[in-house]
Amino acid sequence: MSNIVIFSPLVTFIITFLCVAILAKVCALFAAGARKDQTEAKKAYACGEDFKGHFIQPDYSQFFPFAFFFTILHVVALVIATVPPETMEILAMAIVYVTAAIIGLLILLKK
């Protein structure tokens, strides 16, 4: 029973690929047909007004402090979760690490 060919990865991939291809063809029959005039479809919609497009320059300066904040917190949580409580030297190192992380977070979030 465990040597059934249908459960091998290659056969399963081929069956799944064929099912998806058939489903895509069936769905394409129900899809709206392609318009011949695509010029209006490619324009931006601006509530009936002329759209004066401009480039937006995203500013990630506010994102990075939060990214570092969550990274530091996740690493601290990993250190705390994996410290064996029997060994006092490792526990002392973990406490020093957590203290350094807290100081780093205070510096990071200082305004």
Protein backbone atom coordinates (compact mmCIF):
# COMPACT_ATOMS: atom_id res chain seq x y z
CA MET A 1 0.00 0.00 0.00
CA SER A 2 2.90 2.38 0.65
CA ASN A 3 4.35 1.85 -2.85
CA ILE A 4 1.47 3.42 -4.74
CA VAL A 5 2.83 5.20 -7.83
CA ILE A 6 0.27 8.03 -7.68
CA PHE A 7 1.86 9.37 -4.48
CA SER A 8 5.31 9.79 -5.98
CA PRO A 9 6.28 13.48 -6.27
CA LEU A 10 6.68 13.45 -10.05
CA VAL A 11 3.31 11.83 -10.74
CA THR A 12 1.58 14.07 -8.22
CA PHE A 13 3.14 17.15 -9.84
CA ILE A 14 2.07 16.07 -13.33
CA ILE A 15 -1.50 15.36 -12.20
CA THR A 16 -1.73 18.71 -10.40
CA PHE A 17 -0.23 20.56 -13.37
CA LEU A 18 -2.73 18.97 -15.77
CA CYS A 19 -5.66 19.77 -13.48
CA VAL A 20 -4.59 23.41 -13.20
CA ALA A 21 -4.04 23.68 -16.98
CA ILE A 22 -7.50 22.25 -17.69
CA LEU A 23 -9.07 24.56 -15.10
CA ALA A 24 -7.30 27.57 -16.65
CA LYS A 25 -8.63 26.68 -20.11
CA VAL A 26 -12.18 26.23 -18.78
CA CYS A 27 -12.02 29.56 -16.93
CA ALA A 28 -10.68 31.27 -20.04
CA LEU A 29 -13.90 30.32 -21.85
CA PHE A 30 -15.93 32.32 -19.32
CA ALA A 31 -13.56 35.29 -19.15
CA ALA A 32 -14.43 38.52 -20.87
CA GLY A 33 -12.99 38.77 -24.34
CA ALA A 34 -10.06 41.01 -25.10
CA ARG A 35 -11.06 44.45 -26.33
CA LYS A 36 -9.67 45.64 -29.59
CA ASP A 37 -9.19 49.21 -28.33
CA GLN A 38 -6.96 49.04 -25.26
CA THR A 39 -5.97 52.73 -25.12
CA GLU A 40 -8.63 53.70 -22.57
CA ALA A 41 -8.07 50.60 -20.49
CA LYS A 42 -4.45 51.52 -19.82
CA LYS A 43 -5.23 55.02 -18.56
CA ALA A 44 -5.36 55.82 -14.86
CA TYR A 45 -8.83 56.43 -13.42
CA ALA A 46 -9.15 59.80 -11.72
CA CYS A 47 -12.91 60.25 -11.27
CA GLY A 48 -13.42 61.64 -14.77
CA GLU A 49 -10.70 64.26 -14.49
CA ASP A 50 -7.40 64.41 -16.29
CA PHE A 51 -4.80 62.58 -14.28
CA LYS A 52 -1.53 64.39 -13.90
CA GLY A 53 0.73 61.54 -12.92
CA HIS A 54 3.69 62.17 -10.71
CA PHE A 55 6.23 59.84 -9.26
CA ILE A 56 6.04 59.09 -5.59
CA GLN A 57 9.34 58.66 -3.82
CA PRO A 58 8.69 56.40 -0.85
CA ASP A 59 10.58 57.29 2.28
CA TYR A 60 11.60 54.34 4.40
CA SER A 61 13.31 56.36 7.11
CA GLN A 62 10.49 55.65 9.56
CA PHE A 63 10.39 51.96 8.67
CA PHE A 64 13.95 51.02 9.61
CA PRO A 65 13.76 51.83 13.35
CA PHE A 66 10.72 49.59 13.67
CA ALA A 67 12.40 46.84 11.64
CA PHE A 68 15.46 46.95 13.90
CA PHE A 69 13.22 47.10 16.96
CA PHE A 70 11.38 43.90 16.05
CA THR A 71 14.59 42.18 14.96
CA ILE A 72 16.26 42.92 18.28
CA LEU A 73 13.17 41.82 20.22
CA HIS A 74 12.95 38.54 18.33
CA VAL A 75 16.61 37.75 18.90
CA VAL A 76 16.27 38.60 22.60
CA ALA A 77 13.23 36.34 22.85
CA LEU A 78 15.18 33.55 21.15
CA VAL A 79 18.09 34.01 23.57
CA ILE A 80 15.79 33.97 26.59
CA ALA A 81 13.90 30.93 25.35
CA THR A 82 17.01 28.85 24.68
CA VAL A 83 19.08 29.61 27.78
CA PRO A 84 19.41 26.57 30.03
CA PRO A 85 18.67 27.75 33.58
CA GLU A 86 21.16 25.30 35.18
CA THR A 87 24.28 27.03 33.90
CA MET A 88 24.84 30.31 35.71
CA GLU A 89 27.59 31.53 33.36
CA ILE A 90 25.33 31.25 30.33
CA LEU A 91 22.46 32.79 32.28
CA ALA A 92 24.70 35.73 33.24
CA MET A 93 25.72 36.18 29.59
CA ALA A 94 22.05 36.14 28.57
CA ILE A 95 21.25 38.81 31.16
CA VAL A 96 24.11 40.96 29.86
CA TYR A 97 22.85 40.44 26.29
CA VAL A 98 19.29 41.38 27.20
CA THR A 99 20.54 44.46 29.06
CA ALA A 100 22.60 45.51 26.03
CA ALA A 101 19.56 44.96 23.80
CA ILE A 102 17.40 47.15 26.06
CA ILE A 103 20.05 49.90 25.97
CA GLY A 104 20.20 49.56 22.18
CA LEU A 105 16.43 49.87 21.93
CA LEU A 106 16.44 52.95 24.14
CA ILE A 107 19.07 54.54 21.89
CA LEU A 108 17.12 53.51 18.79
CA LEU A 109 13.82 54.96 20.00
CA LYS A 110 15.36 58.14 21.45
CA LYS A 111 13.85 61.28 19.93
